[in-house]
Amino acid sequence: MMEPLYVPGGTPLHRLPAWLKLLALMAAGAGLFLLRDPRWLALAFLAASVLVWSTGVAAAAVWRQLRGLAWVLLAVGAFTAWFQGGMAALAVLLRVGALVGLALAVTLATRTSDLIAVCEKALMPLQRAGLVDAGKVALALALALRFVPEIWRNFQEIREAQAARGLGANPVALIVPLIVLTLKRAQEVAEAIDARSA
């Protein structure tokens, strides 16, 4: 079974309604891409970090979730610095880091069932127009929140296990079990959607 990212708690962020958290996340995301001053972006990054900390999740657990992304961000930052300069790279890193932090905080402090309910309600006008099945789309979106991080955790676990066995950076020994586990998780997602529509 896929592990939920939600961490139970009684923090102010936990108590906010799911629709308000998602709306605030979308507004914050739009605002972050309008900001250009690194000082304001640094404040946004700090605020996102405080929000993640306020969920009560241990720093080590947060790092396990984000350490792979950290390498990607560093690569993007280096690329941006090379072509646009250091300040532009700093702005990109702070902007994306703040957005990831906000999304992680919302995910940690919101039940998946609540996310499904909000998405389904928001999609109802499109369902009435005959464009989508709101229930299936909402469930797929909510499951993706759990499915994608699960793939990354599997990748990390397999890589560590292969390193312990002395296989080093053997791509076959890494990719084959990852594909098997990913297909298994995909089957779970498909079964969940089928059960929802039954």
N, C-alpha and C. Protein backbone atom coordinates (compact mmCIF):
# COMPACT_ATOMS: atom_id res chain seq x y z
N MET A 1 0.84 -1.20 0.00
CA MET A 1 0.00 0.00 0.00
C MET A 1 0.87 1.26 0.00
N MET A 2 0.38 2.32 -0.61
CA MET A 2 1.10 3.58 -0.62
C MET A 2 0.95 4.26 0.72
N GLU A 3 2.03 4.83 1.23
CA GLU A 3 2.01 5.51 2.50
C GLU A 3 1.47 6.92 2.31
N PRO A 4 0.56 7.36 3.18
CA PRO A 4 0.08 8.72 3.08
C PRO A 4 1.14 9.71 3.52
N LEU A 5 1.17 10.89 2.90
CA LEU A 5 2.09 11.93 3.32
C LEU A 5 1.53 12.73 4.48
N TYR A 6 0.24 12.63 4.71
CA TYR A 6 -0.41 13.38 5.79
C TYR A 6 0.13 12.94 7.14
N VAL A 7 0.43 13.93 7.99
CA VAL A 7 0.89 13.66 9.35
C VAL A 7 -0.15 14.25 10.30
N PRO A 8 -0.84 13.42 11.09
CA PRO A 8 -1.86 13.93 12.00
C PRO A 8 -1.28 14.96 12.98
N GLY A 9 -2.09 15.93 13.33
CA GLY A 9 -1.64 16.95 14.27
C GLY A 9 -2.75 17.94 14.56
N GLY A 10 -2.50 18.79 15.53
CA GLY A 10 -3.49 19.79 15.92
C GLY A 10 -3.00 21.20 15.71
N THR A 11 -2.08 21.38 14.77
CA THR A 11 -1.51 22.71 14.52
C THR A 11 -2.52 23.62 13.82
N PRO A 12 -2.30 24.93 13.86
CA PRO A 12 -3.21 25.83 13.13
C PRO A 12 -3.34 25.46 11.65
N LEU A 13 -2.25 25.03 11.04
CA LEU A 13 -2.31 24.65 9.63
C LEU A 13 -3.19 23.42 9.44
N HIS A 14 -3.11 22.47 10.34
CA HIS A 14 -3.97 21.29 10.27
C HIS A 14 -5.45 21.66 10.38
N ARG A 15 -5.73 22.67 11.20
CA ARG A 15 -7.13 23.01 11.47
C ARG A 15 -7.78 23.82 10.36
N LEU A 16 -6.99 24.42 9.50
CA LEU A 16 -7.57 25.19 8.40
C LEU A 16 -8.30 24.26 7.43
N PRO A 17 -9.41 24.71 6.85
CA PRO A 17 -10.10 23.86 5.87
C PRO A 17 -9.24 23.60 4.64
N ALA A 18 -9.41 22.44 4.05
CA ALA A 18 -8.58 22.04 2.91
C ALA A 18 -8.72 23.02 1.75
N TRP A 19 -9.94 23.49 1.48
CA TRP A 19 -10.14 24.38 0.34
C TRP A 19 -9.35 25.68 0.51
N LEU A 20 -9.28 26.16 1.76
CA LEU A 20 -8.56 27.40 2.01
C LEU A 20 -7.05 27.20 1.82
N LYS A 21 -6.55 26.04 2.26
CA LYS A 21 -5.12 25.76 2.09
C LYS A 21 -4.75 25.65 0.61
N LEU A 22 -5.59 24.97 -0.16
CA LEU A 22 -5.30 24.82 -1.59
C LEU A 22 -5.40 26.16 -2.31
N LEU A 23 -6.40 26.96 -1.94
CA LEU A 23 -6.55 28.28 -2.55
C LEU A 23 -5.35 29.17 -2.22
N ALA A 24 -4.92 29.12 -0.96
CA ALA A 24 -3.76 29.91 -0.56
C ALA A 24 -2.50 29.44 -1.27
N LEU A 25 -2.39 28.12 -1.47
CA LEU A 25 -1.22 27.57 -2.17
C LEU A 25 -1.18 28.07 -3.61
N MET A 26 -2.33 28.07 -4.29
CA MET A 26 -2.37 28.57 -5.67
C MET A 26 -2.04 30.05 -5.74
N ALA A 27 -2.60 30.83 -4.80
CA ALA A 27 -2.33 32.27 -4.78
C ALA A 27 -0.85 32.54 -4.49
N ALA A 28 -0.29 31.78 -3.54
CA ALA A 28 1.12 31.95 -3.21
C ALA A 28 2.01 31.58 -4.39
N GLY A 29 1.64 30.51 -5.09
CA GLY A 29 2.42 30.10 -6.26
C GLY A 29 2.43 31.18 -7.33
N ALA A 30 1.25 31.77 -7.57
CA ALA A 30 1.19 32.86 -8.55
C ALA A 30 2.02 34.06 -8.09
N GLY A 31 1.91 34.37 -6.80
CA GLY A 31 2.67 35.50 -6.27
C GLY A 31 4.17 35.29 -6.34
N LEU A 32 4.62 34.07 -6.09
CA LEU A 32 6.05 33.78 -6.13
C LEU A 32 6.64 34.02 -7.51
N PHE A 33 5.87 33.73 -8.55
CA PHE A 33 6.39 33.91 -9.90
C PHE A 33 6.31 35.36 -10.36
N LEU A 34 5.62 36.20 -9.57
CA LEU A 34 5.61 37.63 -9.87
C LEU A 34 6.75 38.36 -9.16
N LEU A 35 7.23 37.76 -8.06
CA LEU A 35 8.31 38.38 -7.30
C LEU A 35 9.64 38.26 -8.04
N ARG A 36 10.43 39.33 -8.00
CA ARG A 36 11.74 39.31 -8.64
C ARG A 36 12.87 39.61 -7.64
N ASP A 37 12.54 40.35 -6.59
CA ASP A 37 13.54 40.75 -5.62
C ASP A 37 13.94 39.56 -4.75
N PRO A 38 15.22 39.16 -4.75
CA PRO A 38 15.65 38.02 -3.93
C PRO A 38 15.36 38.18 -2.45
N ARG A 39 15.30 39.42 -1.96
CA ARG A 39 15.01 39.63 -0.54
C ARG A 39 13.60 39.18 -0.20
N TRP A 40 12.64 39.51 -1.05
CA TRP A 40 11.27 39.07 -0.82
C TRP A 40 11.14 37.56 -1.00
N LEU A 41 11.86 37.04 -1.98
CA LEU A 41 11.84 35.59 -2.19
C LEU A 41 12.46 34.86 -1.01
N ALA A 42 13.50 35.45 -0.41
CA ALA A 42 14.10 34.84 0.78
C ALA A 42 13.11 34.82 1.94
N LEU A 43 12.33 35.90 2.08
CA LEU A 43 11.30 35.92 3.12
C LEU A 43 10.24 34.85 2.86
N ALA A 44 9.87 34.68 1.59
CA ALA A 44 8.89 33.65 1.23
C ALA A 44 9.43 32.27 1.54
N PHE A 45 10.70 32.04 1.23
CA PHE A 45 11.33 30.75 1.53
C PHE A 45 11.35 30.50 3.03
N LEU A 46 11.67 31.53 3.80
CA LEU A 46 11.68 31.41 5.25
C LEU A 46 10.28 31.09 5.78
N ALA A 47 9.27 31.77 5.23
CA ALA A 47 7.89 31.51 5.65
C ALA A 47 7.47 30.08 5.33
N ALA A 48 7.85 29.59 4.16
CA ALA A 48 7.53 28.21 3.79
C ALA A 48 8.23 27.23 4.72
N SER A 49 9.47 27.52 5.08
CA SER A 49 10.21 26.65 6.00
C SER A 49 9.54 26.61 7.37
N VAL A 50 9.08 27.76 7.83
CA VAL A 50 8.39 27.82 9.12
C VAL A 50 7.09 27.02 9.07
N LEU A 51 6.38 27.10 7.95
CA LEU A 51 5.14 26.33 7.80
C LEU A 51 5.41 24.84 7.86
N VAL A 52 6.44 24.38 7.16
CA VAL A 52 6.79 22.96 7.20
C VAL A 52 7.16 22.56 8.62
N TRP A 53 7.94 23.38 9.29
CA TRP A 53 8.33 23.10 10.68
C TRP A 53 7.12 23.04 11.59
N SER A 54 6.12 23.90 11.32
CA SER A 54 4.93 23.97 12.18
C SER A 54 4.08 22.72 12.11
N THR A 55 4.26 21.89 11.08
CA THR A 55 3.48 20.65 10.98
C THR A 55 3.93 19.61 11.99
N GLY A 56 5.09 19.82 12.61
CA GLY A 56 5.58 18.88 13.61
C GLY A 56 6.39 17.73 13.05
N VAL A 57 6.68 17.76 11.76
CA VAL A 57 7.46 16.68 11.14
C VAL A 57 8.94 16.91 11.43
N ALA A 58 9.64 15.84 11.77
CA ALA A 58 11.07 15.94 12.07
C ALA A 58 11.85 16.41 10.85
N ALA A 59 12.89 17.19 11.11
CA ALA A 59 13.71 17.72 10.02
C ALA A 59 14.31 16.60 9.17
N ALA A 60 14.68 15.49 9.83
CA ALA A 60 15.27 14.36 9.08
C ALA A 60 14.27 13.78 8.09
N ALA A 61 13.00 13.71 8.49
CA ALA A 61 11.96 13.17 7.60
C ALA A 61 11.74 14.11 6.42
N VAL A 62 11.76 15.40 6.68
CA VAL A 62 11.61 16.38 5.59
C VAL A 62 12.78 16.27 4.62
N TRP A 63 13.98 16.12 5.15
CA TRP A 63 15.15 15.99 4.29
C TRP A 63 15.07 14.75 3.42
N ARG A 64 14.56 13.64 3.97
CA ARG A 64 14.41 12.42 3.17
C ARG A 64 13.46 12.65 2.01
N GLN A 65 12.44 13.48 2.24
CA GLN A 65 11.48 13.78 1.17
C GLN A 65 12.11 14.64 0.08
N LEU A 66 13.03 15.52 0.47
CA LEU A 66 13.47 16.58 -0.45
C LEU A 66 14.91 16.46 -0.92
N ARG A 67 15.66 15.49 -0.40
CA ARG A 67 17.09 15.49 -0.72
C ARG A 67 17.36 15.26 -2.21
N GLY A 68 16.53 14.44 -2.85
CA GLY A 68 16.71 14.24 -4.29
C GLY A 68 16.43 15.51 -5.07
N LEU A 69 15.38 16.22 -4.66
CA LEU A 69 15.05 17.48 -5.32
C LEU A 69 16.13 18.52 -5.11
N ALA A 70 16.82 18.44 -3.98
CA ALA A 70 17.88 19.42 -3.69
C ALA A 70 18.96 19.37 -4.76
N TRP A 71 19.31 18.15 -5.20
CA TRP A 71 20.33 18.03 -6.25
C TRP A 71 19.84 18.61 -7.57
N VAL A 72 18.57 18.41 -7.86
CA VAL A 72 18.00 18.99 -9.08
C VAL A 72 18.03 20.51 -9.02
N LEU A 73 17.65 21.05 -7.86
CA LEU A 73 17.66 22.50 -7.69
C LEU A 73 19.07 23.08 -7.84
N LEU A 74 20.04 22.38 -7.28
CA LEU A 74 21.42 22.84 -7.41
C LEU A 74 21.87 22.85 -8.87
N ALA A 75 21.46 21.82 -9.62
CA ALA A 75 21.82 21.77 -11.03
C ALA A 75 21.15 22.91 -11.80
N VAL A 76 19.87 23.15 -11.50
CA VAL A 76 19.16 24.26 -12.15
C VAL A 76 19.81 25.59 -11.78
N GLY A 77 20.17 25.73 -10.50
CA GLY A 77 20.82 26.95 -10.06
C GLY A 77 22.14 27.19 -10.77
N ALA A 78 22.94 26.13 -10.91
CA ALA A 78 24.23 26.26 -11.60
C ALA A 78 24.03 26.64 -13.06
N PHE A 79 23.04 26.03 -13.70
CA PHE A 79 22.74 26.33 -15.11
C PHE A 79 22.32 27.79 -15.26
N THR A 80 21.43 28.23 -14.35
CA THR A 80 20.96 29.62 -14.40
C THR A 80 22.09 30.60 -14.14
N ALA A 81 22.94 30.27 -13.17
CA ALA A 81 24.06 31.15 -12.85
C ALA A 81 25.00 31.30 -14.04
N TRP A 82 25.19 30.21 -14.77
CA TRP A 82 26.10 30.24 -15.92
C TRP A 82 25.60 31.17 -17.01
N PHE A 83 24.27 31.13 -17.25
CA PHE A 83 23.71 31.90 -18.37
C PHE A 83 23.15 33.26 -17.97
N GLN A 84 22.68 33.40 -16.71
CA GLN A 84 22.01 34.64 -16.33
C GLN A 84 22.63 35.34 -15.13
N GLY A 85 23.58 34.70 -14.49
CA GLY A 85 24.23 35.34 -13.35
C GLY A 85 23.77 34.80 -12.01
N GLY A 86 24.54 35.14 -10.99
CA GLY A 86 24.30 34.61 -9.66
C GLY A 86 22.99 35.05 -9.04
N MET A 87 22.60 36.31 -9.22
CA MET A 87 21.36 36.80 -8.61
C MET A 87 20.14 36.12 -9.21
N ALA A 88 20.17 35.89 -10.52
CA ALA A 88 19.05 35.19 -11.17
C ALA A 88 18.97 33.76 -10.65
N ALA A 89 20.12 33.11 -10.47
CA ALA A 89 20.13 31.75 -9.95
C ALA A 89 19.59 31.70 -8.53
N LEU A 90 19.98 32.68 -7.71
CA LEU A 90 19.49 32.74 -6.34
C LEU A 90 17.98 32.91 -6.32
N ALA A 91 17.46 33.77 -7.20
CA ALA A 91 16.02 33.99 -7.27
C ALA A 91 15.28 32.71 -7.65
N VAL A 92 15.81 31.97 -8.61
CA VAL A 92 15.18 30.71 -9.04
C VAL A 92 15.16 29.71 -7.89
N LEU A 93 16.29 29.57 -7.20
CA LEU A 93 16.37 28.60 -6.10
C LEU A 93 15.41 28.96 -4.98
N LEU A 94 15.35 30.23 -4.63
CA LEU A 94 14.46 30.66 -3.55
C LEU A 94 13.00 30.50 -3.95
N ARG A 95 12.68 30.84 -5.20
CA ARG A 95 11.30 30.75 -5.67
C ARG A 95 10.81 29.31 -5.68
N VAL A 96 11.57 28.42 -6.30
CA VAL A 96 11.16 27.02 -6.37
C VAL A 96 11.19 26.38 -4.99
N GLY A 97 12.21 26.71 -4.19
CA GLY A 97 12.28 26.16 -2.84
C GLY A 97 11.09 26.56 -2.00
N ALA A 98 10.67 27.83 -2.11
CA ALA A 98 9.51 28.29 -1.36
C ALA A 98 8.24 27.58 -1.81
N LEU A 99 8.07 27.42 -3.12
CA LEU A 99 6.88 26.76 -3.64
C LEU A 99 6.83 25.30 -3.21
N VAL A 100 7.97 24.61 -3.27
CA VAL A 100 8.02 23.21 -2.84
C VAL A 100 7.72 23.11 -1.35
N GLY A 101 8.27 24.03 -0.57
CA GLY A 101 8.01 24.02 0.87
C GLY A 101 6.54 24.23 1.19
N LEU A 102 5.90 25.17 0.51
CA LEU A 102 4.48 25.42 0.74
C LEU A 102 3.64 24.21 0.36
N ALA A 103 3.95 23.61 -0.79
CA ALA A 103 3.20 22.42 -1.22
C ALA A 103 3.39 21.27 -0.25
N LEU A 104 4.61 21.09 0.25
CA LEU A 104 4.87 20.03 1.21
C LEU A 104 4.12 20.27 2.51
N ALA A 105 4.10 21.52 2.97
CA ALA A 105 3.38 21.84 4.21
C ALA A 105 1.89 21.53 4.08
N VAL A 106 1.30 21.92 2.95
CA VAL A 106 -0.12 21.64 2.72
C VAL A 106 -0.38 20.14 2.67
N THR A 107 0.49 19.40 2.00
CA THR A 107 0.32 17.95 1.88
C THR A 107 0.46 17.26 3.23
N LEU A 108 1.41 17.72 4.04
CA LEU A 108 1.63 17.11 5.35
C LEU A 108 0.48 17.39 6.31
N ALA A 109 -0.20 18.51 6.12
CA ALA A 109 -1.22 18.94 7.07
C ALA A 109 -2.64 18.76 6.57
N THR A 110 -2.83 18.04 5.46
CA THR A 110 -4.17 17.88 4.89
C THR A 110 -4.42 16.42 4.54
N ARG A 111 -5.53 15.88 5.02
CA ARG A 111 -5.87 14.50 4.70
C ARG A 111 -6.13 14.35 3.20
N THR A 112 -5.72 13.20 2.67
CA THR A 112 -5.95 12.93 1.25
C THR A 112 -7.44 12.97 0.92
N SER A 113 -8.26 12.45 1.83
CA SER A 113 -9.70 12.45 1.59
C SER A 113 -10.24 13.87 1.46
N ASP A 114 -9.68 14.79 2.24
CA ASP A 114 -10.11 16.19 2.15
C ASP A 114 -9.69 16.81 0.82
N LEU A 115 -8.49 16.45 0.37
CA LEU A 115 -8.03 16.95 -0.93
C LEU A 115 -8.93 16.45 -2.05
N ILE A 116 -9.32 15.17 -1.96
CA ILE A 116 -10.22 14.60 -2.97
C ILE A 116 -11.54 15.36 -2.99
N ALA A 117 -12.08 15.61 -1.80
CA ALA A 117 -13.38 16.28 -1.71
C ALA A 117 -13.32 17.69 -2.31
N VAL A 118 -12.26 18.42 -2.02
CA VAL A 118 -12.13 19.78 -2.54
C VAL A 118 -11.98 19.77 -4.06
N CYS A 119 -11.11 18.90 -4.57
CA CYS A 119 -10.91 18.82 -6.02
C CYS A 119 -12.20 18.41 -6.73
N GLU A 120 -12.90 17.45 -6.14
CA GLU A 120 -14.14 16.98 -6.77
C GLU A 120 -15.18 18.09 -6.83
N LYS A 121 -15.29 18.84 -5.74
CA LYS A 121 -16.26 19.94 -5.72
C LYS A 121 -15.88 21.02 -6.74
N ALA A 122 -14.58 21.31 -6.85
CA ALA A 122 -14.13 22.34 -7.80
C ALA A 122 -14.37 21.92 -9.24
N LEU A 123 -14.36 20.61 -9.49
CA LEU A 123 -14.52 20.10 -10.86
C LEU A 123 -15.97 19.85 -11.25
N MET A 124 -16.88 20.00 -10.32
CA MET A 124 -18.29 19.71 -10.60
C MET A 124 -18.86 20.53 -11.76
N PRO A 125 -18.52 21.83 -11.90
CA PRO A 125 -19.03 22.56 -13.07
C PRO A 125 -18.60 21.93 -14.39
N LEU A 126 -17.36 21.43 -14.45
CA LEU A 126 -16.89 20.76 -15.67
C LEU A 126 -17.61 19.44 -15.88
N GLN A 127 -17.96 18.76 -14.80
CA GLN A 127 -18.70 17.50 -14.95
C GLN A 127 -20.10 17.77 -15.47
N ARG A 128 -20.72 18.84 -14.96
CA ARG A 128 -22.07 19.18 -15.43
C ARG A 128 -22.06 19.55 -16.92
N ALA A 129 -20.93 20.08 -17.37
CA ALA A 129 -20.80 20.41 -18.79
C ALA A 129 -20.44 19.18 -19.63
N GLY A 130 -20.26 18.04 -18.98
CA GLY A 130 -19.93 16.81 -19.68
C GLY A 130 -18.48 16.69 -20.11
N LEU A 131 -17.60 17.49 -19.50
CA LEU A 131 -16.19 17.50 -19.92
C LEU A 131 -15.33 16.50 -19.16
N VAL A 132 -15.63 16.28 -17.89
CA VAL A 132 -14.81 15.37 -17.07
C VAL A 132 -15.69 14.60 -16.11
N ASP A 133 -15.13 13.52 -15.57
CA ASP A 133 -15.73 12.82 -14.43
C ASP A 133 -15.02 13.36 -13.19
N ALA A 134 -15.70 14.23 -12.45
CA ALA A 134 -15.06 14.93 -11.34
C ALA A 134 -14.49 13.97 -10.30
N GLY A 135 -15.21 12.89 -10.02
CA GLY A 135 -14.74 11.93 -9.02
C GLY A 135 -13.44 11.27 -9.41
N LYS A 136 -13.36 10.82 -10.67
CA LYS A 136 -12.14 10.13 -11.12
C LYS A 136 -10.95 11.08 -11.18
N VAL A 137 -11.17 12.29 -11.69
CA VAL A 137 -10.07 13.24 -11.81
C VAL A 137 -9.57 13.64 -10.43
N ALA A 138 -10.49 13.90 -9.51
CA ALA A 138 -10.08 14.28 -8.15
C ALA A 138 -9.30 13.17 -7.47
N LEU A 139 -9.76 11.94 -7.65
CA LEU A 139 -9.06 10.81 -7.04
C LEU A 139 -7.68 10.64 -7.65
N ALA A 140 -7.58 10.79 -8.97
CA ALA A 140 -6.28 10.66 -9.63
C ALA A 140 -5.30 11.73 -9.15
N LEU A 141 -5.79 12.96 -8.98
CA LEU A 141 -4.92 14.03 -8.49
C LEU A 141 -4.45 13.76 -7.07
N ALA A 142 -5.36 13.32 -6.23
CA ALA A 142 -4.99 13.05 -4.84
C ALA A 142 -4.03 11.88 -4.73
N LEU A 143 -4.27 10.84 -5.52
CA LEU A 143 -3.36 9.69 -5.49
C LEU A 143 -1.98 10.05 -6.00
N ALA A 144 -1.92 10.98 -6.96
CA ALA A 144 -0.62 11.39 -7.48
C ALA A 144 0.24 12.03 -6.40
N LEU A 145 -0.41 12.72 -5.46
CA LEU A 145 0.33 13.33 -4.36
C LEU A 145 1.07 12.29 -3.54
N ARG A 146 0.51 11.08 -3.51
CA ARG A 146 1.14 10.01 -2.75
C ARG A 146 2.01 9.12 -3.65
N PHE A 147 1.62 9.00 -4.90
CA PHE A 147 2.28 8.06 -5.81
C PHE A 147 3.67 8.53 -6.22
N VAL A 148 3.80 9.79 -6.60
CA VAL A 148 5.09 10.30 -7.08
C VAL A 148 6.15 10.28 -5.98
N PRO A 149 5.88 10.79 -4.77
CA PRO A 149 6.90 10.67 -3.72
C PRO A 149 7.25 9.23 -3.39
N GLU A 150 6.29 8.33 -3.54
CA GLU A 150 6.56 6.91 -3.28
C GLU A 150 7.59 6.35 -4.27
N ILE A 151 7.49 6.76 -5.52
CA ILE A 151 8.47 6.31 -6.51
C ILE A 151 9.87 6.79 -6.12
N TRP A 152 9.95 8.03 -5.69
CA TRP A 152 11.26 8.56 -5.31
C TRP A 152 11.81 7.82 -4.09
N ARG A 153 10.95 7.52 -3.11
CA ARG A 153 11.42 6.76 -1.94
C ARG A 153 11.91 5.39 -2.36
N ASN A 154 11.18 4.75 -3.27
CA ASN A 154 11.63 3.44 -3.76
C ASN A 154 12.99 3.54 -4.43
N PHE A 155 13.18 4.58 -5.22
CA PHE A 155 14.46 4.78 -5.90
C PHE A 155 15.60 4.90 -4.88
N GLN A 156 15.37 5.69 -3.84
CA GLN A 156 16.40 5.88 -2.82
C GLN A 156 16.70 4.58 -2.09
N GLU A 157 15.64 3.83 -1.73
CA GLU A 157 15.84 2.58 -1.00
C GLU A 157 16.59 1.56 -1.85
N ILE A 158 16.22 1.46 -3.13
CA ILE A 158 16.89 0.50 -4.02
C ILE A 158 18.35 0.89 -4.21
N ARG A 159 18.59 2.19 -4.39
CA ARG A 159 19.97 2.65 -4.59
C ARG A 159 20.83 2.33 -3.37
N GLU A 160 20.28 2.55 -2.17
CA GLU A 160 21.03 2.26 -0.95
C GLU A 160 21.27 0.76 -0.79
N ALA A 161 20.24 -0.04 -1.13
CA ALA A 161 20.39 -1.49 -1.01
C ALA A 161 21.43 -2.02 -1.99
N GLN A 162 21.43 -1.49 -3.21
CA GLN A 162 22.40 -1.94 -4.21
C GLN A 162 23.81 -1.52 -3.82
N ALA A 163 23.94 -0.34 -3.24
CA ALA A 163 25.26 0.11 -2.79
C ALA A 163 25.77 -0.78 -1.66
N ALA A 164 24.86 -1.20 -0.76
CA ALA A 164 25.26 -2.08 0.34
C ALA A 164 25.71 -3.45 -0.17
N ARG A 165 25.17 -3.87 -1.31
CA ARG A 165 25.55 -5.17 -1.89
C ARG A 165 26.77 -5.06 -2.80
N GLY A 166 27.31 -3.86 -2.91
CA GLY A 166 28.51 -3.67 -3.72
C GLY A 166 28.25 -3.57 -5.20
N LEU A 167 26.99 -3.29 -5.59
CA LEU A 167 26.67 -3.19 -7.01
C LEU A 167 26.97 -1.81 -7.57
N GLY A 168 27.25 -0.87 -6.69
CA GLY A 168 27.64 0.47 -7.14
C GLY A 168 26.55 1.15 -7.95
N ALA A 169 26.95 1.72 -9.08
CA ALA A 169 26.02 2.50 -9.90
C ALA A 169 25.51 1.69 -11.09
N ASN A 170 25.34 0.39 -10.91
CA ASN A 170 24.83 -0.48 -11.97
C ASN A 170 23.41 -0.05 -12.34
N PRO A 171 23.19 0.51 -13.53
CA PRO A 171 21.85 1.02 -13.87
C PRO A 171 20.80 -0.07 -13.98
N VAL A 172 21.17 -1.25 -14.46
CA VAL A 172 20.20 -2.34 -14.60
C VAL A 172 19.71 -2.79 -13.23
N ALA A 173 20.64 -2.94 -12.29
CA ALA A 173 20.27 -3.37 -10.94
C ALA A 173 19.40 -2.34 -10.24
N LEU A 174 19.43 -1.11 -10.70
CA LEU A 174 18.62 -0.05 -10.12
C LEU A 174 17.28 0.10 -10.82
N ILE A 175 17.31 0.08 -12.14
CA ILE A 175 16.11 0.39 -12.92
C ILE A 175 15.09 -0.74 -12.91
N VAL A 176 15.55 -1.99 -13.02
CA VAL A 176 14.61 -3.12 -13.11
C VAL A 176 13.72 -3.22 -11.87
N PRO A 177 14.27 -3.27 -10.65
CA PRO A 177 13.38 -3.33 -9.49
C PRO A 177 12.52 -2.08 -9.33
N LEU A 178 13.05 -0.92 -9.76
CA LEU A 178 12.25 0.30 -9.67
C LEU A 178 11.04 0.22 -10.59
N ILE A 179 11.23 -0.30 -11.80
CA ILE A 179 10.11 -0.45 -12.73
C ILE A 179 9.07 -1.41 -12.17
N VAL A 180 9.54 -2.52 -11.60
CA VAL A 180 8.62 -3.51 -11.02
C VAL A 180 7.78 -2.87 -9.92
N LEU A 181 8.43 -2.16 -9.00
CA LEU A 181 7.70 -1.53 -7.91
C LEU A 181 6.77 -0.43 -8.42
N THR A 182 7.21 0.31 -9.43
CA THR A 182 6.37 1.38 -9.98
C THR A 182 5.12 0.81 -10.64
N LEU A 183 5.28 -0.29 -11.38
CA LEU A 183 4.12 -0.93 -12.00
C LEU A 183 3.15 -1.46 -10.95
N LYS A 184 3.71 -1.97 -9.86
CA LYS A 184 2.86 -2.45 -8.77
C LYS A 184 2.04 -1.31 -8.19
N ARG A 185 2.69 -0.16 -7.97
CA ARG A 185 1.97 1.00 -7.44
C ARG A 185 0.94 1.51 -8.45
N ALA A 186 1.29 1.47 -9.73
CA ALA A 186 0.34 1.90 -10.76
C ALA A 186 -0.90 1.02 -10.75
N GLN A 187 -0.69 -0.28 -10.53
CA GLN A 187 -1.83 -1.20 -10.45
C GLN A 187 -2.72 -0.84 -9.26
N GLU A 188 -2.09 -0.46 -8.14
CA GLU A 188 -2.87 -0.05 -6.97
C GLU A 188 -3.70 1.19 -7.27
N VAL A 189 -3.10 2.14 -8.00
CA VAL A 189 -3.84 3.34 -8.37
C VAL A 189 -5.02 2.99 -9.26
N ALA A 190 -4.79 2.12 -10.25
CA ALA A 190 -5.87 1.72 -11.16
C ALA A 190 -6.99 1.02 -10.41
N GLU A 191 -6.63 0.14 -9.48
CA GLU A 191 -7.65 -0.57 -8.71
C GLU A 191 -8.45 0.39 -7.83
N ALA A 192 -7.76 1.40 -7.27
CA ALA A 192 -8.46 2.37 -6.45
C ALA A 192 -9.45 3.18 -7.27
N ILE A 193 -9.05 3.56 -8.49
CA ILE A 193 -9.96 4.32 -9.35
C ILE A 193 -11.13 3.45 -9.79
N ASP A 194 -10.86 2.19 -10.11
CA ASP A 194 -11.94 1.28 -10.49
C ASP A 194 -12.92 1.09 -9.34
N ALA A 195 -12.39 0.96 -8.12
CA ALA A 195 -13.25 0.79 -6.95
C ALA A 195 -14.11 2.03 -6.73
N ARG A 196 -13.53 3.18 -7.01
CA ARG A 196 -14.26 4.45 -6.85
C ARG A 196 -15.42 4.54 -7.83
N SER A 197 -15.20 4.05 -9.06
CA SER A 197 -16.22 4.19 -10.09
C SER A 197 -17.23 3.05 -10.06
N ALA A 198 -16.95 2.00 -9.29
CA ALA A 198 -17.85 0.84 -9.25
C ALA A 198 -19.14 1.16 -8.52
